[in-house]
């Protein structure tokens, strides 16, 4: 299974937001600079996370974005499902595969995908920053 860069960036943004002090907001520019991600990509991810009610966004002067949910309530598996456009490992339907009616491979791959998501569902955003908070803060140069 290969996750897209979009998902990678989305998880990085969530990790950053999990480290911010309670009343602090992130900006598109700050995240773009921090991770060397284009403003356009950050905007798309922030919009998607806002639409899913994972983060709160505020426009205008003094605006920005922050976690709407606590890190303990943000499930890693759910975020991967949200960020990925598809989790299909193989596309048998559009390829007009001749052996599709008798093939067991797709069902095995679906089982593997379910196991992958099940493993991710054991973790939350809080788990991703637990024990690494100081190191991550130093990397981000956050003064907490």
C-alpha atoms as a PDB file:
ATOM      1  CA  UNK A   1       0.000   0.000   0.000  1.00  0.00           C
ATOM      2  CA  UNK A   2       1.313   3.408  -0.925  1.00  0.00           C
ATOM      3  CA  UNK A   3      -0.136   6.522   0.664  1.00  0.00           C
ATOM      4  CA  UNK A   4      -0.174   9.744  -1.304  1.00  0.00           C
ATOM      5  CA  UNK A   5       1.877  12.813  -0.553  1.00  0.00           C
ATOM      6  CA  UNK A   6      -1.435  14.538   0.237  1.00  0.00           C
ATOM      7  CA  UNK A   7      -1.962  12.150   3.168  1.00  0.00           C
ATOM      8  CA  UNK A   8       1.643  12.561   4.302  1.00  0.00           C
ATOM      9  CA  UNK A   9       1.282  16.345   4.308  1.00  0.00           C
ATOM     10  CA  UNK A  10      -2.088  16.119   6.039  1.00  0.00           C
ATOM     11  CA  UNK A  11      -0.652  14.036   8.863  1.00  0.00           C
ATOM     12  CA  UNK A  12       2.315  16.404   9.217  1.00  0.00           C
ATOM     13  CA  UNK A  13      -0.051  19.368   9.507  1.00  0.00           C
ATOM     14  CA  UNK A  14      -2.107  17.564  12.149  1.00  0.00           C
ATOM     15  CA  UNK A  15       1.038  16.733  14.145  1.00  0.00           C
ATOM     16  CA  UNK A  16       2.056  20.396  14.053  1.00  0.00           C
ATOM     17  CA  UNK A  17      -1.397  21.502  15.187  1.00  0.00           C
ATOM     18  CA  UNK A  18      -1.366  18.969  18.030  1.00  0.00           C
ATOM     19  CA  UNK A  19       1.737  20.669  19.420  1.00  0.00           C
ATOM     20  CA  UNK A  20       0.412  24.221  19.357  1.00  0.00           C
ATOM     21  CA  UNK A  21      -0.607  25.812  22.668  1.00  0.00           C
ATOM     22  CA  UNK A  22      -4.384  25.840  23.256  1.00  0.00           C
ATOM     23  CA  UNK A  23      -5.219  29.336  21.992  1.00  0.00           C
ATOM     24  CA  UNK A  24      -2.617  29.568  19.246  1.00  0.00           C
ATOM     25  CA  UNK A  25      -3.513  29.362  15.563  1.00  0.00           C
ATOM     26  CA  UNK A  26      -1.405  28.190  12.663  1.00  0.00           C
ATOM     27  CA  UNK A  27      -1.221  30.042   9.375  1.00  0.00           C
ATOM     28  CA  UNK A  28      -0.979  28.736   5.832  1.00  0.00           C
ATOM     29  CA  UNK A  29       2.315  30.595   5.400  1.00  0.00           C
ATOM     30  CA  UNK A  30       3.833  29.211   8.620  1.00  0.00           C
ATOM     31  CA  UNK A  31       2.978  25.598   7.766  1.00  0.00           C
ATOM     32  CA  UNK A  32       4.040  26.037   4.147  1.00  0.00           C
ATOM     33  CA  UNK A  33       7.423  27.383   5.254  1.00  0.00           C
ATOM     34  CA  UNK A  34       7.888  24.855   8.058  1.00  0.00           C
ATOM     35  CA  UNK A  35       7.374  21.814   5.855  1.00  0.00           C
ATOM     36  CA  UNK A  36       8.423  23.326   2.531  1.00  0.00           C
ATOM     37  CA  UNK A  37       4.995  22.519   1.082  1.00  0.00           C
ATOM     38  CA  UNK A  38       3.353  24.796  -1.475  1.00  0.00           C
ATOM     39  CA  UNK A  39       0.723  27.187  -0.113  1.00  0.00           C
ATOM     40  CA  UNK A  40      -1.719  25.638  -2.575  1.00  0.00           C
ATOM     41  CA  UNK A  41      -1.238  22.145  -1.109  1.00  0.00           C
ATOM     42  CA  UNK A  42      -1.552  23.444   2.453  1.00  0.00           C
ATOM     43  CA  UNK A  43      -4.720  25.337   1.479  1.00  0.00           C
ATOM     44  CA  UNK A  44      -6.278  22.197  -0.020  1.00  0.00           C
ATOM     45  CA  UNK A  45      -5.498  20.129   3.060  1.00  0.00           C
ATOM     46  CA  UNK A  46      -6.707  22.799   5.481  1.00  0.00           C
ATOM     47  CA  UNK A  47      -9.920  23.130   3.481  1.00  0.00           C
ATOM     48  CA  UNK A  48     -10.458  19.361   3.534  1.00  0.00           C
ATOM     49  CA  UNK A  49      -9.767  19.093   7.284  1.00  0.00           C
ATOM     50  CA  UNK A  50     -12.028  22.066   7.964  1.00  0.00           C
ATOM     51  CA  UNK A  51     -14.850  20.609   5.888  1.00  0.00           C
ATOM     52  CA  UNK A  52     -14.499  17.358   7.873  1.00  0.00           C
ATOM     53  CA  UNK A  53     -14.692  19.390  11.124  1.00  0.00           C
ATOM     54  CA  UNK A  54     -11.275  18.195  12.281  1.00  0.00           C
ATOM     55  CA  UNK A  55      -9.922  21.727  12.380  1.00  0.00           C
ATOM     56  CA  UNK A  56     -11.482  25.145  12.814  1.00  0.00           C
ATOM     57  CA  UNK A  57     -10.552  27.832  10.310  1.00  0.00           C
ATOM     58  CA  UNK A  58     -10.863  31.582  10.808  1.00  0.00           C
ATOM     59  CA  UNK A  59     -10.412  34.077   8.000  1.00  0.00           C
ATOM     60  CA  UNK A  60      -9.106  37.604   8.096  1.00  0.00           C
ATOM     61  CA  UNK A  61      -6.759  39.488  10.377  1.00  0.00           C
ATOM     62  CA  UNK A  62      -5.891  37.330  13.346  1.00  0.00           C
ATOM     63  CA  UNK A  63      -7.239  34.299  11.508  1.00  0.00           C
ATOM     64  CA  UNK A  64      -5.672  30.924  11.069  1.00  0.00           C
ATOM     65  CA  UNK A  65      -6.551  27.348  11.884  1.00  0.00           C
ATOM     66  CA  UNK A  66      -6.364  25.011  14.857  1.00  0.00           C
ATOM     67  CA  UNK A  67      -7.571  21.597  15.961  1.00  0.00           C
ATOM     68  CA  UNK A  68     -11.292  21.529  16.635  1.00  0.00           C
ATOM     69  CA  UNK A  69     -11.041  18.085  18.212  1.00  0.00           C
ATOM     70  CA  UNK A  70      -8.571  16.996  20.860  1.00  0.00           C
ATOM     71  CA  UNK A  71      -5.675  14.872  19.549  1.00  0.00           C
ATOM     72  CA  UNK A  72      -7.045  11.934  21.571  1.00  0.00           C
ATOM     73  CA  UNK A  73     -10.196  12.041  19.434  1.00  0.00           C
ATOM     74  CA  UNK A  74      -8.485  12.144  16.045  1.00  0.00           C
ATOM     75  CA  UNK A  75      -8.032   8.613  14.786  1.00  0.00           C
ATOM     76  CA  UNK A  76      -5.094   7.970  12.441  1.00  0.00           C
ATOM     77  CA  UNK A  77      -7.017   5.451  10.336  1.00  0.00           C
ATOM     78  CA  UNK A  78      -9.903   7.871   9.893  1.00  0.00           C
ATOM     79  CA  UNK A  79      -7.487  10.583   8.770  1.00  0.00           C
ATOM     80  CA  UNK A  80      -5.856   8.292   6.210  1.00  0.00           C
ATOM     81  CA  UNK A  81      -9.273   7.341   4.837  1.00  0.00           C
ATOM     82  CA  UNK A  82     -10.250  11.028   4.717  1.00  0.00           C
ATOM     83  CA  UNK A  83      -7.067  12.155   2.960  1.00  0.00           C
ATOM     84  CA  UNK A  84      -6.761   9.330   0.429  1.00  0.00           C
ATOM     85  CA  UNK A  85      -8.917   9.665  -2.671  1.00  0.00           C
ATOM     86  CA  UNK A  86      -9.064   5.883  -2.861  1.00  0.00           C
ATOM     87  CA  UNK A  87      -7.648   3.012  -0.890  1.00  0.00           C
ATOM     88  CA  UNK A  88      -7.992   0.550  -3.737  1.00  0.00           C
ATOM     89  CA  UNK A  89      -4.801  -1.450  -4.059  1.00  0.00           C
ATOM     90  CA  UNK A  90      -5.699  -2.805  -7.464  1.00  0.00           C
ATOM     91  CA  UNK A  91      -8.432  -1.811  -9.894  1.00  0.00           C
ATOM     92  CA  UNK A  92      -9.843  -4.966 -11.406  1.00  0.00           C
ATOM     93  CA  UNK A  93     -13.087  -3.487 -12.677  1.00  0.00           C
ATOM     94  CA  UNK A  94     -11.780  -0.872 -15.122  1.00  0.00           C
ATOM     95  CA  UNK A  95      -8.961  -3.048 -16.420  1.00  0.00           C
ATOM     96  CA  UNK A  96     -11.431  -5.638 -17.761  1.00  0.00           C
ATOM     97  CA  UNK A  97      -9.434  -8.473 -16.313  1.00  0.00           C
ATOM     98  CA  UNK A  98     -10.277 -11.799 -17.936  1.00  0.00           C
ATOM     99  CA  UNK A  99      -9.801 -13.829 -14.761  1.00  0.00           C
ATOM    100  CA  UNK A 100     -11.911 -11.533 -12.533  1.00  0.00           C
ATOM    101  CA  UNK A 101     -14.826 -13.985 -12.141  1.00  0.00           C
ATOM    102  CA  UNK A 102     -12.496 -16.666 -10.730  1.00  0.00           C
ATOM    103  CA  UNK A 103      -9.802 -14.493  -9.133  1.00  0.00           C
ATOM    104  CA  UNK A 104      -9.165 -14.594  -5.384  1.00  0.00           C
ATOM    105  CA  UNK A 105      -6.352 -12.015  -5.439  1.00  0.00           C
ATOM    106  CA  UNK A 106      -8.630  -8.971  -5.071  1.00  0.00           C
ATOM    107  CA  UNK A 107     -10.329 -10.395  -1.962  1.00  0.00           C
ATOM    108  CA  UNK A 108      -6.929 -11.120  -0.401  1.00  0.00           C
ATOM    109  CA  UNK A 109      -5.807  -7.557  -1.132  1.00  0.00           C
ATOM    110  CA  UNK A 110      -9.034  -6.202   0.374  1.00  0.00           C
ATOM    111  CA  UNK A 111      -8.378  -8.241   3.510  1.00  0.00           C
ATOM    112  CA  UNK A 112      -4.856  -6.792   3.671  1.00  0.00           C
ATOM    113  CA  UNK A 113      -6.247  -3.265   3.255  1.00  0.00           C
ATOM    114  CA  UNK A 114      -8.719  -3.851   6.093  1.00  0.00           C
ATOM    115  CA  UNK A 115      -5.869  -5.078   8.318  1.00  0.00           C
ATOM    116  CA  UNK A 116      -3.839  -1.989   7.416  1.00  0.00           C
ATOM    117  CA  UNK A 117      -6.693   0.360   8.350  1.00  0.00           C
ATOM    118  CA  UNK A 118      -7.450  -1.684  11.469  1.00  0.00           C
ATOM    119  CA  UNK A 119      -3.852  -1.227  12.630  1.00  0.00           C
ATOM    120  CA  UNK A 120      -3.991   2.519  11.967  1.00  0.00           C
ATOM    121  CA  UNK A 121      -7.273   2.700  13.879  1.00  0.00           C
ATOM    122  CA  UNK A 122      -5.446   1.603  17.033  1.00  0.00           C
ATOM    123  CA  UNK A 123      -3.706   4.995  17.147  1.00  0.00           C
ATOM    124  CA  UNK A 124      -4.712   8.604  17.571  1.00  0.00           C
ATOM    125  CA  UNK A 125      -3.005  11.887  16.840  1.00  0.00           C
ATOM    126  CA  UNK A 126      -2.102  12.011  20.544  1.00  0.00           C
ATOM    127  CA  UNK A 127      -0.160   8.758  20.100  1.00  0.00           C
ATOM    128  CA  UNK A 128       1.828  10.308  17.246  1.00  0.00           C
ATOM    129  CA  UNK A 129       3.135  13.114  19.446  1.00  0.00           C
ATOM    130  CA  UNK A 130       3.355  11.252  22.771  1.00  0.00           C
ATOM    131  CA  UNK A 131       6.919  10.851  23.937  1.00  0.00           C
ATOM    132  CA  UNK A 132       8.200  12.999  21.072  1.00  0.00           C
ATOM    133  CA  UNK A 133       6.706  16.335  22.097  1.00  0.00           C
ATOM    134  CA  UNK A 134      10.019  17.905  23.178  1.00  0.00           C
ATOM    135  CA  UNK A 135      11.890  16.664  20.114  1.00  0.00           C
ATOM    136  CA  UNK A 136       9.131  17.841  17.787  1.00  0.00           C
ATOM    137  CA  UNK A 137       8.909  21.211  19.521  1.00  0.00           C
ATOM    138  CA  UNK A 138      12.663  21.651  19.079  1.00  0.00           C
ATOM    139  CA  UNK A 139      12.382  20.752  15.406  1.00  0.00           C
ATOM    140  CA  UNK A 140       9.523  23.210  14.974  1.00  0.00           C
ATOM    141  CA  UNK A 141      11.186  25.721  17.319  1.00  0.00           C
ATOM    142  CA  UNK A 142       7.921  26.169  19.167  1.00  0.00           C
ATOM    143  CA  UNK A 143       8.106  27.939  22.465  1.00  0.00           C
ATOM    144  CA  UNK A 144       5.659  26.050  24.635  1.00  0.00           C
END
